[in-house]
Amino acid sequence: MTHQPHQNPASLSRIQQNVLASSERRLLTWLCSRMPSWVTPDILTALGMVGALAIFVGYAASLFSVEWLWIALAGYVLQWFGDSMDGSLARYRHIERPSYGYFIDHSCDGLANFLILAGMGISPFVRLDVALVALVAYLLLSIHAFLSARVLGELKLSYMAAGPTELRLMLIVLTLMMMALGSKPGLFGAISGFDVFVGTVAFILILLFIAQTLVTGKRLAIREKHAR
């Protein structure tokens, strides 16, 4: 087995081309400049996970009352704040721990997305199997991002001009529609409009994984051919 050189997370090129990237960056910088000194990146990471847990509870408890979805909506805001601010604050204060931060951040992202989609699958709005397919699609795209970081030194944070923030906004709108429409019988038997939406997003993510795998594979083949 050939040993490949270790890719230092600090040297990764972050590729973030989502629509809200520049506006969000200005907002995060403004928030960082006003953050109390006792607030640390680790605290913000934990806060983001509390938000993810709130989303899970809100969706799961909507089995009993649609009003619980307000907890999920609040959870999205909290999860965005913690997840977006932890790395931003570390960079703002120049206290980055690249390997630790990379490992903890992406581990928490995986767990947070599991909680969100599991909660959605437990809710009366989205079938569990559809939610789990969406989770697999997310994990496939994550695998591609981590492999690209390893072999190309590029960490891709957005696809099709959309990143985590745009996805959260999409899910917030979906949750508001759940509150407005309720868990009515599906348009196609057991399949609801919410199932169709989540399933379509999952299908798009899987197609992106396949397309990005082909593109990256071609880049690597050309680069290694020229390196001979």
Protein backbone atom coordinates (compact mmCIF):
# COMPACT_ATOMS: atom_id res chain seq x y z
CA MET A 1 0.00 0.00 0.00
CA THR A 2 1.42 3.38 -1.04
CA HIS A 3 1.36 6.01 1.67
CA GLN A 4 0.13 9.41 0.51
CA PRO A 5 1.34 12.62 2.18
CA HIS A 6 -0.91 14.06 4.86
CA GLN A 7 -3.08 17.01 3.76
CA ASN A 8 -2.93 19.73 6.41
CA PRO A 9 -6.45 21.24 6.86
CA ALA A 10 -4.82 24.67 7.23
CA SER A 11 -3.59 24.48 3.63
CA LEU A 12 -6.97 23.57 2.13
CA SER A 13 -8.45 25.92 -0.45
CA ARG A 14 -12.05 26.65 0.61
CA ILE A 15 -14.35 26.91 -2.41
CA GLN A 16 -17.56 28.72 -1.44
CA GLN A 17 -19.59 30.16 -4.31
CA ASN A 18 -23.09 30.13 -2.88
CA VAL A 19 -25.42 33.08 -3.52
CA LEU A 20 -25.39 34.38 0.06
CA ALA A 21 -21.66 33.80 0.74
CA SER A 22 -20.47 37.42 0.64
CA SER A 23 -23.45 38.82 2.56
CA GLU A 24 -23.19 36.08 5.15
CA ARG A 25 -19.47 36.69 5.55
CA ARG A 26 -20.05 40.39 6.29
CA LEU A 27 -22.73 39.50 8.84
CA LEU A 28 -20.52 36.92 10.54
CA THR A 29 -17.61 39.36 10.74
CA TRP A 30 -19.92 41.96 12.30
CA LEU A 31 -21.14 39.40 14.85
CA CYS A 32 -17.58 38.25 15.63
CA SER A 33 -16.52 41.82 16.41
CA ARG A 34 -19.30 42.03 19.02
CA MET A 35 -18.97 38.57 20.54
CA PRO A 36 -18.15 38.56 24.30
CA SER A 37 -14.67 37.30 25.14
CA TRP A 38 -16.03 34.36 27.15
CA VAL A 39 -17.72 32.92 24.05
CA THR A 40 -15.36 30.41 22.44
CA PRO A 41 -15.57 28.46 19.16
CA ASP A 42 -16.19 25.25 21.15
CA ILE A 43 -19.17 26.87 22.90
CA LEU A 44 -20.58 27.89 19.52
CA THR A 45 -20.09 24.37 18.15
CA ALA A 46 -22.01 22.98 21.13
CA LEU A 47 -24.70 25.61 20.58
CA GLY A 48 -25.06 24.47 16.99
CA MET A 49 -25.58 20.89 18.15
CA VAL A 50 -28.23 22.07 20.63
CA GLY A 51 -29.96 23.68 17.66
CA ALA A 52 -29.80 20.41 15.67
CA LEU A 53 -31.28 18.53 18.64
CA ALA A 54 -34.07 21.14 18.86
CA ILE A 55 -34.85 20.56 15.17
CA PHE A 56 -35.09 16.81 15.81
CA VAL A 57 -37.36 17.30 18.82
CA GLY A 58 -39.57 19.78 16.94
CA TYR A 59 -40.10 17.47 13.98
CA ALA A 60 -40.56 14.32 16.09
CA ALA A 61 -43.00 16.02 18.48
CA SER A 62 -45.07 17.33 15.55
CA LEU A 63 -46.65 13.86 15.63
CA PHE A 64 -48.67 15.24 18.55
CA SER A 65 -49.11 18.88 17.51
CA VAL A 66 -48.01 21.00 14.57
CA GLU A 67 -47.13 23.76 17.05
CA TRP A 68 -43.96 21.84 17.92
CA LEU A 69 -42.59 22.87 14.55
CA TRP A 70 -41.86 26.29 16.07
CA ILE A 71 -39.13 24.50 18.06
CA ALA A 72 -37.69 23.16 14.81
CA LEU A 73 -37.71 26.65 13.29
CA ALA A 74 -35.92 28.10 16.31
CA GLY A 75 -33.48 25.20 16.09
CA TYR A 76 -32.57 26.10 12.51
CA VAL A 77 -31.63 29.63 13.60
CA LEU A 78 -29.60 28.34 16.53
CA GLN A 79 -27.91 25.68 14.41
CA TRP A 80 -26.98 28.24 11.75
CA PHE A 81 -25.57 30.60 14.37
CA GLY A 82 -23.43 27.98 16.11
CA ASP A 83 -22.29 26.17 12.97
CA SER A 84 -21.43 29.32 11.03
CA MET A 85 -19.89 31.28 13.87
CA ASP A 86 -17.51 28.74 15.42
CA GLY A 87 -14.97 28.73 12.59
CA SER A 88 -15.57 32.40 11.82
CA LEU A 89 -14.80 33.41 15.41
CA ALA A 90 -11.65 31.28 15.48
CA ARG A 91 -10.39 32.94 12.28
CA TYR A 92 -11.39 36.42 13.51
CA ARG A 93 -9.46 35.98 16.76
CA HIS A 94 -6.57 34.13 15.05
CA ILE A 95 -6.97 31.11 17.35
CA GLU A 96 -7.51 28.50 14.64
CA ARG A 97 -6.81 24.84 15.37
CA PRO A 98 -7.02 23.54 11.79
CA SER A 99 -6.91 19.76 12.35
CA TYR A 100 -9.05 19.83 15.49
CA GLY A 101 -11.54 22.28 13.98
CA TYR A 102 -11.80 20.36 10.69
CA PHE A 103 -12.42 17.07 12.51
CA ILE A 104 -14.92 18.38 15.08
CA ASP A 105 -16.78 20.66 12.66
CA HIS A 106 -17.42 18.00 10.03
CA SER A 107 -18.19 15.33 12.61
CA CYS A 108 -20.82 17.61 14.13
CA ASP A 109 -22.17 18.44 10.67
CA GLY A 110 -22.74 14.75 9.99
CA LEU A 111 -24.51 14.21 13.31
CA ALA A 112 -26.58 17.39 12.90
CA ASN A 113 -27.82 16.35 9.47
CA PHE A 114 -28.67 12.90 10.81
CA LEU A 115 -30.76 14.50 13.57
CA ILE A 116 -32.53 16.82 11.12
CA LEU A 117 -33.46 14.14 8.62
CA ALA A 118 -34.27 11.52 11.26
CA GLY A 119 -36.63 13.98 12.93
CA MET A 120 -38.19 14.81 9.58
CA GLY A 121 -38.69 11.10 8.90
CA ILE A 122 -40.36 10.57 12.28
CA SER A 123 -42.70 13.51 11.67
CA PRO A 124 -46.08 12.95 9.95
CA PHE A 125 -44.95 15.01 6.94
CA VAL A 126 -42.11 13.01 5.35
CA ARG A 127 -41.75 9.26 5.02
CA LEU A 128 -38.82 7.80 6.94
CA ASP A 129 -37.46 5.97 3.90
CA VAL A 130 -37.48 9.18 1.84
CA ALA A 131 -35.71 11.08 4.63
CA LEU A 132 -33.07 8.35 4.93
CA VAL A 133 -32.41 8.42 1.16
CA ALA A 134 -31.86 12.19 1.52
CA LEU A 135 -29.41 11.49 4.36
CA VAL A 136 -27.50 9.00 2.20
CA ALA A 137 -27.39 11.58 -0.63
CA TYR A 138 -25.95 14.18 1.76
CA LEU A 139 -23.35 11.71 3.04
CA LEU A 140 -22.33 10.80 -0.52
CA LEU A 141 -21.70 14.45 -1.35
CA SER A 142 -19.82 14.85 1.94
CA ILE A 143 -17.62 11.88 1.03
CA HIS A 144 -16.82 13.58 -2.27
CA ALA A 145 -15.94 16.83 -0.49
CA PHE A 146 -13.61 15.05 1.95
CA LEU A 147 -11.96 12.97 -0.80
CA SER A 148 -11.43 16.11 -2.90
CA ALA A 149 -9.86 17.81 0.10
CA ARG A 150 -7.51 14.85 0.39
CA VAL A 151 -6.46 14.48 -3.26
CA LEU A 152 -6.87 18.04 -4.60
CA GLY A 153 -6.40 20.18 -1.52
CA GLU A 154 -9.80 21.79 -2.21
CA LEU A 155 -12.70 21.82 0.23
CA LYS A 156 -15.85 22.47 -1.76
CA LEU A 157 -18.50 24.11 0.45
CA SER A 158 -21.17 24.85 -2.16
CA TYR A 159 -22.76 23.27 -5.21
CA MET A 160 -24.96 24.89 -7.88
CA ALA A 161 -24.58 28.29 -6.13
CA ALA A 162 -26.09 26.82 -2.95
CA GLY A 163 -24.46 26.02 0.36
CA PRO A 164 -25.53 25.11 3.91
CA THR A 165 -27.22 28.48 4.53
CA GLU A 166 -29.35 28.29 1.37
CA LEU A 167 -30.29 24.72 2.28
CA ARG A 168 -31.34 25.79 5.78
CA LEU A 169 -33.52 28.56 4.32
CA MET A 170 -35.10 26.01 2.00
CA LEU A 171 -35.86 23.72 4.94
CA ILE A 172 -37.27 26.63 6.95
CA VAL A 173 -39.67 27.40 4.08
CA LEU A 174 -40.56 23.69 3.89
CA THR A 175 -41.29 23.66 7.64
CA LEU A 176 -43.50 26.75 7.34
CA MET A 177 -45.42 24.96 4.57
CA MET A 178 -45.85 21.96 6.88
CA MET A 179 -47.38 24.29 9.47
CA ALA A 180 -49.65 25.92 6.90
CA LEU A 181 -50.80 22.78 5.06
CA GLY A 182 -50.66 20.13 7.78
CA SER A 183 -50.13 16.43 7.21
CA LYS A 184 -52.84 15.96 4.61
CA PRO A 185 -53.15 12.74 2.58
CA GLY A 186 -50.56 12.48 -0.17
CA LEU A 187 -51.25 13.46 -3.75
CA PHE A 188 -49.98 10.08 -4.96
CA GLY A 189 -51.38 7.67 -2.42
CA ALA A 190 -48.88 7.31 0.42
CA ILE A 191 -46.52 9.86 -1.16
CA SER A 192 -47.05 13.48 -0.09
CA GLY A 193 -45.87 16.68 -1.71
CA PHE A 194 -43.27 16.94 1.06
CA ASP A 195 -41.98 13.48 0.14
CA VAL A 196 -41.70 14.56 -3.49
CA PHE A 197 -39.75 17.68 -2.52
CA VAL A 198 -37.31 15.90 -0.18
CA GLY A 199 -36.92 13.03 -2.65
CA THR A 200 -36.20 15.43 -5.50
CA VAL A 201 -33.51 17.19 -3.46
CA ALA A 202 -31.99 13.79 -2.65
CA PHE A 203 -32.01 12.84 -6.34
CA ILE A 204 -30.27 16.11 -7.26
CA LEU A 205 -27.59 15.54 -4.58
CA ILE A 206 -26.92 12.03 -5.88
CA LEU A 207 -26.61 13.33 -9.44
CA LEU A 208 -24.20 16.00 -8.18
CA PHE A 209 -22.12 13.32 -6.46
CA ILE A 210 -21.90 11.30 -9.69
CA ALA A 211 -21.10 14.36 -11.83
CA GLN A 212 -18.48 15.72 -9.40
CA THR A 213 -16.88 12.26 -9.13
CA LEU A 214 -16.49 12.12 -12.92
CA VAL A 215 -15.11 15.68 -13.09
CA THR A 216 -12.65 15.14 -10.26
CA GLY A 217 -11.57 11.77 -11.63
CA LYS A 218 -10.84 13.38 -15.01
CA ARG A 219 -8.84 16.19 -13.34
CA LEU A 220 -6.74 13.66 -11.42
CA ALA A 221 -6.15 11.51 -14.49
CA ILE A 222 -4.93 14.49 -16.51
CA ARG A 223 -2.76 15.81 -13.67
CA GLU A 224 -1.09 12.46 -13.01
CA LYS A 225 -0.61 11.81 -16.73
CA HIS A 226 1.28 15.11 -17.06
CA ALA A 227 3.29 14.35 -13.92
CA ARG A 228 4.83 11.24 -15.44
